Protein backbone atom coordinates (compact mmCIF):
# COMPACT_ATOMS: atom_id res chain seq x y z
CA MET A 1 -60.50 64.48 29.99
CA CYS A 2 -64.06 64.44 31.20
CA GLN A 3 -65.01 68.07 31.63
CA ALA A 4 -68.55 69.15 30.83
CA THR A 5 -70.25 72.21 29.41
CA VAL A 6 -73.16 73.45 31.53
CA TYR A 7 -76.28 75.12 30.14
CA LEU A 8 -78.95 76.99 32.08
CA GLY A 9 -81.94 76.59 29.81
CA GLU A 10 -80.48 77.25 26.35
CA THR A 11 -77.66 79.52 27.58
CA LYS A 12 -74.14 78.18 28.03
CA ILE A 13 -72.99 79.33 31.47
CA ALA A 14 -69.80 77.33 32.08
CA GLN A 15 -67.37 75.06 30.30
CA ASP A 16 -64.66 72.67 31.43
CA VAL A 17 -66.67 71.89 34.59
CA ILE A 18 -65.07 69.09 36.60
CA ARG A 19 -67.51 68.89 39.52
CA LEU A 20 -71.20 69.57 39.98
CA LYS A 21 -72.67 69.53 43.48
CA PRO A 22 -76.26 70.20 44.62
CA VAL A 23 -76.37 72.89 47.32
CA GLN A 24 -79.17 74.71 49.13
CA ASP A 25 -79.20 77.65 46.69
CA GLY A 26 -78.98 75.54 43.51
CA VAL A 27 -75.99 73.83 41.94
CA ARG A 28 -72.30 74.52 42.62
CA LEU A 29 -69.99 74.28 39.59
CA GLU A 30 -66.23 73.85 39.84
CA THR A 31 -63.49 74.03 37.21
CA PHE A 32 -59.73 73.55 37.42
CA PHE A 33 -58.63 77.19 37.27
CA GLU A 34 -61.64 79.39 38.13
CA GLU A 35 -63.46 80.15 41.34
CA PRO A 36 -66.48 77.90 42.01
CA MET A 37 -69.86 79.39 41.18
CA THR A 38 -73.36 78.62 42.40
CA VAL A 39 -76.21 78.66 39.88
CA CYS A 40 -79.89 78.99 40.84
CA GLY A 41 -81.05 75.93 38.94
CA THR A 42 -81.95 72.28 39.18
CA LEU A 43 -80.53 69.37 37.26
CA LYS A 44 -82.57 68.38 34.22
CA GLU A 45 -80.25 66.19 32.14
CA ILE A 46 -76.67 64.92 31.90
CA ASN A 47 -75.46 63.75 28.49
CA PHE A 48 -72.25 61.80 29.03
CA LEU A 49 -71.68 61.30 25.29
CA LYS A 50 -71.79 65.04 24.60
CA HIS A 51 -70.17 66.04 27.93
CA SER A 52 -73.06 68.40 28.65
CA VAL A 53 -75.23 69.21 31.65
CA LEU A 54 -78.61 70.91 31.34
CA LEU A 55 -79.98 72.87 34.30
CA THR A 56 -83.47 74.33 34.64
CA PRO A 57 -83.67 77.80 36.20
CA ILE A 58 -85.29 78.01 39.63
CA LYS A 59 -88.20 80.40 39.37
CA GLU A 60 -88.54 83.01 42.11
CA ASP A 61 -91.90 83.32 43.84
CA ASP A 62 -93.89 86.28 42.54
CA ASP A 63 -95.34 86.88 46.03
CA GLU A 64 -92.12 88.44 47.36
């Protein structure tokens, strides 16, 4: 199977991810048996050999 583990920075946030989709608020992650989740991050790297995805957190503006 080709599921991936997703990291936000150095923190593992999801495993067995089957679909990753960019959305307005960040990145939507889907697995077989859990509800989809949206992460406030941007794609930094995909490592197909290690089945891993690295996201960079989206920084909030300090002005708000």
